[in-house]
Amino acid sequence: MKTERFSRTEGKTPAFVEGEVQKLLNAVETFTHSGLRDRALLATLAYTFARIGSVVNLKVENYYPSGKRFLLRFKEKGGKEKELPVHHKLEEILDEYLKATGLEKEPESPLFPAAIGKTGKLSRRPLVRTDAADMLKRRLKQAGLPAHYSPHSFRATGITNFLENDGTLEAAQQIAGHADSRTTKLYDRRGQRVLLEDMERIRY
């Protein structure tokens, strides 16, 4: 007997619920350099839906002006480079962070360096992916949000949000840096939301 092959139409990465990303960003204290860094890193994930590996590898010089807007240049899988215009809210957060920490004058430094112990100050050593994931877990707990979210959740959330606000699948694929639009579709959670709304129509 021939068994049917299982085809996954949606990814397993949990996406943030509406309002949670803003709640997370608002909960980060910004009176220390490491707090400003955490908010800037999380905002970069939220507004670019970039892979965490690409974000921690950014240098200060990868954030640069082009005309009236700023761009971020990411190194993607397979050595490819991708340039993205920066959302105005992310620009504000990055500018405040770079000015306060003095990193704006150090183009060769990591954009998101590791902290020096619990001092709230920053080293000039790059943050690694596991440190960023641990930081997210701490910040989720602080904001009173579920612990099951991961850096990848920003990709699922960003792509869904972008498509809900009339963005095209082609543009979402380009922003996410996917070679195939079917991969981008895996991150689209719009179907899940419709399903939940339909289930709530069952009233006893």
C-alpha atoms as a PDB file:
ATOM      1  CA  MET A   1       0.000   0.000   0.000  1.00  0.00           C
ATOM      2  CA  LYS A   2       1.363   3.415  -0.990  1.00  0.00           C
ATOM      3  CA  THR A   3       1.486   5.897   1.872  1.00  0.00           C
ATOM      4  CA  GLU A   4       0.851   9.561   1.202  1.00  0.00           C
ATOM      5  CA  ARG A   5       3.840  11.819   1.594  1.00  0.00           C
ATOM      6  CA  PHE A   6       3.440  14.414   4.316  1.00  0.00           C
ATOM      7  CA  SER A   7       3.679  17.953   3.013  1.00  0.00           C
ATOM      8  CA  ARG A   8       4.001  20.784   5.472  1.00  0.00           C
ATOM      9  CA  THR A   9       2.199  23.928   4.340  1.00  0.00           C
ATOM     10  CA  GLU A  10       3.172  26.014   7.378  1.00  0.00           C
ATOM     11  CA  GLY A  11       6.334  26.079   9.432  1.00  0.00           C
ATOM     12  CA  LYS A  12       6.500  25.082  13.088  1.00  0.00           C
ATOM     13  CA  THR A  13       8.125  28.301  14.307  1.00  0.00           C
ATOM     14  CA  PRO A  14       5.688  30.078  16.680  1.00  0.00           C
ATOM     15  CA  ALA A  15       4.828  33.617  15.577  1.00  0.00           C
ATOM     16  CA  PHE A  16       4.239  36.464  18.046  1.00  0.00           C
ATOM     17  CA  VAL A  17       0.636  37.451  18.725  1.00  0.00           C
ATOM     18  CA  GLU A  18      -0.388  41.007  17.819  1.00  0.00           C
ATOM     19  CA  GLY A  19       1.064  43.560  20.244  1.00  0.00           C
ATOM     20  CA  GLU A  20       3.674  41.203  21.726  1.00  0.00           C
ATOM     21  CA  VAL A  21       6.670  42.461  19.739  1.00  0.00           C
ATOM     22  CA  GLN A  22       5.974  46.050  20.829  1.00  0.00           C
ATOM     23  CA  LYS A  23       5.474  44.869  24.425  1.00  0.00           C
ATOM     24  CA  LEU A  24       8.851  43.101  24.285  1.00  0.00           C
ATOM     25  CA  LEU A  25      10.663  46.180  22.916  1.00  0.00           C
ATOM     26  CA  ASN A  26       8.971  48.483  25.457  1.00  0.00           C
ATOM     27  CA  ALA A  27      10.005  46.231  28.363  1.00  0.00           C
ATOM     28  CA  VAL A  28      13.750  46.617  27.664  1.00  0.00           C
ATOM     29  CA  GLU A  29      15.381  49.189  29.959  1.00  0.00           C
ATOM     30  CA  THR A  30      17.480  51.698  28.045  1.00  0.00           C
ATOM     31  CA  PHE A  31      19.606  53.315  30.780  1.00  0.00           C
ATOM     32  CA  THR A  32      22.495  50.863  30.170  1.00  0.00           C
ATOM     33  CA  HIS A  33      24.479  50.272  27.003  1.00  0.00           C
ATOM     34  CA  SER A  34      23.589  46.572  27.054  1.00  0.00           C
ATOM     35  CA  GLY A  35      19.883  47.460  27.371  1.00  0.00           C
ATOM     36  CA  LEU A  36      20.107  49.771  24.368  1.00  0.00           C
ATOM     37  CA  ARG A  37      21.920  47.016  22.461  1.00  0.00           C
ATOM     38  CA  ASP A  38      19.274  44.413  23.323  1.00  0.00           C
ATOM     39  CA  ARG A  39      16.437  46.682  22.186  1.00  0.00           C
ATOM     40  CA  ALA A  40      18.314  47.527  18.950  1.00  0.00           C
ATOM     41  CA  LEU A  41      19.068  43.862  18.217  1.00  0.00           C
ATOM     42  CA  LEU A  42      15.474  42.755  18.854  1.00  0.00           C
ATOM     43  CA  ALA A  43      14.149  45.657  16.758  1.00  0.00           C
ATOM     44  CA  THR A  44      16.494  44.647  13.918  1.00  0.00           C
ATOM     45  CA  LEU A  45      15.060  41.118  14.014  1.00  0.00           C
ATOM     46  CA  ALA A  46      11.515  42.521  14.116  1.00  0.00           C
ATOM     47  CA  TYR A  47      11.825  45.060  11.301  1.00  0.00           C
ATOM     48  CA  THR A  48      14.018  43.095   8.859  1.00  0.00           C
ATOM     49  CA  PHE A  49      12.999  39.487   9.644  1.00  0.00           C
ATOM     50  CA  ALA A  50      16.666  38.629   9.059  1.00  0.00           C
ATOM     51  CA  ARG A  51      18.260  35.404  10.273  1.00  0.00           C
ATOM     52  CA  ILE A  52      19.856  35.718  13.716  1.00  0.00           C
ATOM     53  CA  GLY A  53      23.215  34.589  12.264  1.00  0.00           C
ATOM     54  CA  SER A  54      23.165  37.507   9.799  1.00  0.00           C
ATOM     55  CA  VAL A  55      22.200  39.999  12.532  1.00  0.00           C
ATOM     56  CA  VAL A  56      24.964  39.086  15.000  1.00  0.00           C
ATOM     57  CA  ASN A  57      27.523  39.291  12.162  1.00  0.00           C
ATOM     58  CA  LEU A  58      26.658  42.902  11.310  1.00  0.00           C
ATOM     59  CA  LYS A  59      29.341  45.557  11.732  1.00  0.00           C
ATOM     60  CA  VAL A  60      28.654  49.228  12.426  1.00  0.00           C
ATOM     61  CA  GLU A  61      29.676  50.060   8.829  1.00  0.00           C
ATOM     62  CA  ASN A  62      26.898  47.760   7.541  1.00  0.00           C
ATOM     63  CA  TYR A  63      24.405  50.413   8.691  1.00  0.00           C
ATOM     64  CA  TYR A  64      24.909  53.372   6.377  1.00  0.00           C
ATOM     65  CA  PRO A  65      23.070  56.263   4.677  1.00  0.00           C
ATOM     66  CA  SER A  66      21.904  56.173   1.084  1.00  0.00           C
ATOM     67  CA  GLY A  67      20.128  59.368   0.066  1.00  0.00           C
ATOM     68  CA  LYS A  68      17.610  60.235   2.769  1.00  0.00           C
ATOM     69  CA  ARG A  69      17.315  56.695   4.136  1.00  0.00           C
ATOM     70  CA  PHE A  70      19.628  54.285   5.895  1.00  0.00           C
ATOM     71  CA  LEU A  71      20.372  50.776   4.654  1.00  0.00           C
ATOM     72  CA  LEU A  72      21.505  47.583   6.379  1.00  0.00           C
ATOM     73  CA  ARG A  73      23.822  45.237   4.499  1.00  0.00           C
ATOM     74  CA  PHE A  74      23.495  41.610   5.587  1.00  0.00           C
ATOM     75  CA  LYS A  75      25.740  38.689   4.722  1.00  0.00           C
ATOM     76  CA  GLU A  76      23.351  35.852   3.909  1.00  0.00           C
ATOM     77  CA  LYS A  77      23.724  32.092   3.494  1.00  0.00           C
ATOM     78  CA  GLY A  78      26.220  31.055   0.836  1.00  0.00           C
ATOM     79  CA  GLY A  79      28.175  34.313   1.087  1.00  0.00           C
ATOM     80  CA  LYS A  80      25.452  36.381  -0.610  1.00  0.00           C
ATOM     81  CA  GLU A  81      24.938  39.996   0.421  1.00  0.00           C
ATOM     82  CA  LYS A  82      21.556  41.662   0.844  1.00  0.00           C
ATOM     83  CA  GLU A  83      20.815  45.364   1.326  1.00  0.00           C
ATOM     84  CA  LEU A  84      17.571  46.478   2.928  1.00  0.00           C
ATOM     85  CA  PRO A  85      16.162  49.978   3.503  1.00  0.00           C
ATOM     86  CA  VAL A  86      15.716  50.553   7.252  1.00  0.00           C
ATOM     87  CA  HIS A  87      12.226  51.102   8.701  1.00  0.00           C
ATOM     88  CA  HIS A  88      11.971  54.572  10.288  1.00  0.00           C
ATOM     89  CA  LYS A  89      11.255  53.119  13.767  1.00  0.00           C
ATOM     90  CA  LEU A  90      14.324  50.879  13.559  1.00  0.00           C
ATOM     91  CA  GLU A  91      16.409  53.843  12.357  1.00  0.00           C
ATOM     92  CA  GLU A  92      15.436  55.824  15.490  1.00  0.00           C
ATOM     93  CA  ILE A  93      16.340  52.901  17.785  1.00  0.00           C
ATOM     94  CA  LEU A  94      19.675  52.213  16.052  1.00  0.00           C
ATOM     95  CA  ASP A  95      20.652  55.904  15.986  1.00  0.00           C
ATOM     96  CA  GLU A  96      19.950  56.335  19.707  1.00  0.00           C
ATOM     97  CA  TYR A  97      21.922  53.176  20.517  1.00  0.00           C
ATOM     98  CA  LEU A  98      24.956  54.024  18.346  1.00  0.00           C
ATOM     99  CA  LYS A  99      25.156  57.583  19.670  1.00  0.00           C
ATOM    100  CA  ALA A 100      24.848  56.602  23.346  1.00  0.00           C
ATOM    101  CA  THR A 101      27.453  53.833  23.100  1.00  0.00           C
ATOM    102  CA  GLY A 102      29.906  55.750  20.896  1.00  0.00           C
ATOM    103  CA  LEU A 103      29.830  52.906  18.375  1.00  0.00           C
ATOM    104  CA  GLU A 104      28.850  55.332  15.597  1.00  0.00           C
ATOM    105  CA  LYS A 105      32.529  56.382  15.511  1.00  0.00           C
ATOM    106  CA  GLU A 106      33.779  52.780  15.194  1.00  0.00           C
ATOM    107  CA  PRO A 107      32.802  51.432  11.739  1.00  0.00           C
ATOM    108  CA  GLU A 108      34.902  48.267  12.119  1.00  0.00           C
ATOM    109  CA  SER A 109      33.277  47.242  15.429  1.00  0.00           C
ATOM    110  CA  PRO A 110      30.492  44.661  15.685  1.00  0.00           C
ATOM    111  CA  LEU A 111      27.101  46.384  15.547  1.00  0.00           C
ATOM    112  CA  PHE A 112      25.969  44.230  18.477  1.00  0.00           C
ATOM    113  CA  PRO A 113      28.991  43.476  20.693  1.00  0.00           C
ATOM    114  CA  ALA A 114      28.913  41.209  23.736  1.00  0.00           C
ATOM    115  CA  ALA A 115      28.399  42.774  27.171  1.00  0.00           C
ATOM    116  CA  ILE A 116      31.150  42.892  29.815  1.00  0.00           C
ATOM    117  CA  GLY A 117      29.719  40.637  32.522  1.00  0.00           C
ATOM    118  CA  LYS A 118      26.796  42.301  34.273  1.00  0.00           C
ATOM    119  CA  THR A 119      28.266  45.804  34.126  1.00  0.00           C
ATOM    120  CA  GLY A 120      25.805  47.012  31.474  1.00  0.00           C
ATOM    121  CA  LYS A 121      28.817  48.057  29.380  1.00  0.00           C
ATOM    122  CA  LEU A 122      29.796  46.616  26.014  1.00  0.00           C
ATOM    123  CA  SER A 123      33.022  44.947  24.896  1.00  0.00           C
ATOM    124  CA  ARG A 124      34.091  45.043  21.252  1.00  0.00           C
ATOM    125  CA  ARG A 125      33.770  41.282  20.893  1.00  0.00           C
ATOM    126  CA  PRO A 126      30.925  40.109  18.619  1.00  0.00           C
ATOM    127  CA  LEU A 127      27.862  38.543  20.196  1.00  0.00           C
ATOM    128  CA  VAL A 128      27.314  34.907  19.205  1.00  0.00           C
ATOM    129  CA  ARG A 129      23.968  33.404  18.194  1.00  0.00           C
ATOM    130  CA  THR A 130      23.512  31.452  21.424  1.00  0.00           C
ATOM    131  CA  ASP A 131      24.101  34.632  23.502  1.00  0.00           C
ATOM    132  CA  ALA A 132      21.447  36.438  21.440  1.00  0.00           C
ATOM    133  CA  ALA A 133      18.984  33.546  21.908  1.00  0.00           C
ATOM    134  CA  ASP A 134      19.627  33.534  25.680  1.00  0.00           C
ATOM    135  CA  MET A 135      19.139  37.297  25.796  1.00  0.00           C
ATOM    136  CA  LEU A 136      15.775  36.931  24.042  1.00  0.00           C
ATOM    137  CA  LYS A 137      14.674  34.321  26.626  1.00  0.00           C
ATOM    138  CA  ARG A 138      15.595  36.738  29.457  1.00  0.00           C
ATOM    139  CA  ARG A 139      13.782  39.628  27.798  1.00  0.00           C
ATOM    140  CA  LEU A 140      10.664  37.517  27.139  1.00  0.00           C
ATOM    141  CA  LYS A 141      10.514  36.585  30.832  1.00  0.00           C
ATOM    142  CA  GLN A 142      10.967  40.232  31.809  1.00  0.00           C
ATOM    143  CA  ALA A 143       8.114  41.291  29.521  1.00  0.00           C
ATOM    144  CA  GLY A 144       5.851  38.510  30.839  1.00  0.00           C
ATOM    145  CA  LEU A 145       5.691  36.821  27.427  1.00  0.00           C
ATOM    146  CA  PRO A 146       5.742  33.064  26.620  1.00  0.00           C
ATOM    147  CA  ALA A 147       9.170  31.415  26.642  1.00  0.00           C
ATOM    148  CA  HIS A 148       8.571  29.337  23.494  1.00  0.00           C
ATOM    149  CA  TYR A 149       9.493  32.185  21.124  1.00  0.00           C
ATOM    150  CA  SER A 150      12.903  32.107  19.454  1.00  0.00           C
ATOM    151  CA  PRO A 151      14.867  34.553  17.258  1.00  0.00           C
ATOM    152  CA  HIS A 152      13.279  32.727  14.301  1.00  0.00           C
ATOM    153  CA  SER A 153       9.814  33.769  15.542  1.00  0.00           C
ATOM    154  CA  PHE A 154      10.546  37.288  14.290  1.00  0.00           C
ATOM    155  CA  ARG A 155      10.790  35.878  10.759  1.00  0.00           C
ATOM    156  CA  ALA A 156       7.380  34.183  10.952  1.00  0.00           C
ATOM    157  CA  THR A 157       5.840  37.280  12.577  1.00  0.00           C
ATOM    158  CA  GLY A 158       7.432  39.771  10.184  1.00  0.00           C
ATOM    159  CA  ILE A 159       6.479  37.855   7.038  1.00  0.00           C
ATOM    160  CA  THR A 160       2.879  37.367   8.249  1.00  0.00           C
ATOM    161  CA  ASN A 161       2.577  41.029   9.275  1.00  0.00           C
ATOM    162  CA  PHE A 162       4.039  42.196   5.959  1.00  0.00           C
ATOM    163  CA  LEU A 163       1.598  40.057   3.930  1.00  0.00           C
ATOM    164  CA  GLU A 164      -1.371  41.107   6.090  1.00  0.00           C
ATOM    165  CA  ASN A 165      -0.544  44.728   5.310  1.00  0.00           C
ATOM    166  CA  ASP A 166      -0.794  44.095   1.550  1.00  0.00           C
ATOM    167  CA  GLY A 167       2.881  43.279   0.967  1.00  0.00           C
ATOM    168  CA  THR A 168       3.489  40.880  -1.914  1.00  0.00           C
ATOM    169  CA  LEU A 169       4.874  37.368  -1.552  1.00  0.00           C
ATOM    170  CA  GLU A 170       7.682  38.294  -3.998  1.00  0.00           C
ATOM    171  CA  ALA A 171       8.759  41.257  -1.840  1.00  0.00           C
ATOM    172  CA  ALA A 172       8.517  39.141   1.355  1.00  0.00           C
ATOM    173  CA  GLN A 173      10.729  36.512  -0.299  1.00  0.00           C
ATOM    174  CA  GLN A 174      13.276  39.189  -1.226  1.00  0.00           C
ATOM    175  CA  ILE A 175      13.337  40.720   2.284  1.00  0.00           C
ATOM    176  CA  ALA A 176      13.638  37.291   3.909  1.00  0.00           C
ATOM    177  CA  GLY A 177      16.401  36.264   1.476  1.00  0.00           C
ATOM    178  CA  HIS A 178      14.675  33.035   0.449  1.00  0.00           C
ATOM    179  CA  ALA A 179      15.703  31.381  -2.822  1.00  0.00           C
ATOM    180  CA  ASP A 180      12.213  29.871  -3.208  1.00  0.00           C
ATOM    181  CA  SER A 181       8.837  31.506  -2.477  1.00  0.00           C
ATOM    182  CA  ARG A 182       7.582  28.171  -1.075  1.00  0.00           C
ATOM    183  CA  THR A 183       9.988  28.666   1.832  1.00  0.00           C
ATOM    184  CA  THR A 184       8.519  32.138   2.438  1.00  0.00           C
ATOM    185  CA  LYS A 185       5.001  30.646   2.421  1.00  0.00           C
ATOM    186  CA  LEU A 186       6.008  28.328   5.284  1.00  0.00           C
ATOM    187  CA  TYR A 187       6.376  31.425   7.469  1.00  0.00           C
ATOM    188  CA  ASP A 188       2.964  32.870   6.573  1.00  0.00           C
ATOM    189  CA  ARG A 189       0.676  32.401   9.595  1.00  0.00           C
ATOM    190  CA  ARG A 190      -2.400  34.134   8.160  1.00  0.00           C
ATOM    191  CA  GLY A 191      -4.149  30.782   7.686  1.00  0.00           C
ATOM    192  CA  GLN A 192      -3.723  29.919  11.361  1.00  0.00           C
ATOM    193  CA  ARG A 193      -5.385  33.174  12.424  1.00  0.00           C
ATOM    194  CA  VAL A 194      -8.392  32.622  10.176  1.00  0.00           C
ATOM    195  CA  LEU A 195      -8.717  29.087  11.524  1.00  0.00           C
ATOM    196  CA  LEU A 196      -8.694  30.319  15.129  1.00  0.00           C
ATOM    197  CA  GLU A 197     -11.375  32.919  14.365  1.00  0.00           C
ATOM    198  CA  ASP A 198     -13.497  30.194  12.743  1.00  0.00           C
ATOM    199  CA  MET A 199     -13.087  27.848  15.717  1.00  0.00           C
ATOM    200  CA  GLU A 200     -14.274  30.606  18.058  1.00  0.00           C
ATOM    201  CA  ARG A 201     -17.593  30.585  16.187  1.00  0.00           C
ATOM    202  CA  ILE A 202     -18.461  27.375  18.060  1.00  0.00           C
ATOM    203  CA  ARG A 203     -20.508  28.662  20.996  1.00  0.00           C
ATOM    204  CA  TYR A 204     -22.337  26.436  23.486  1.00  0.00           C
END
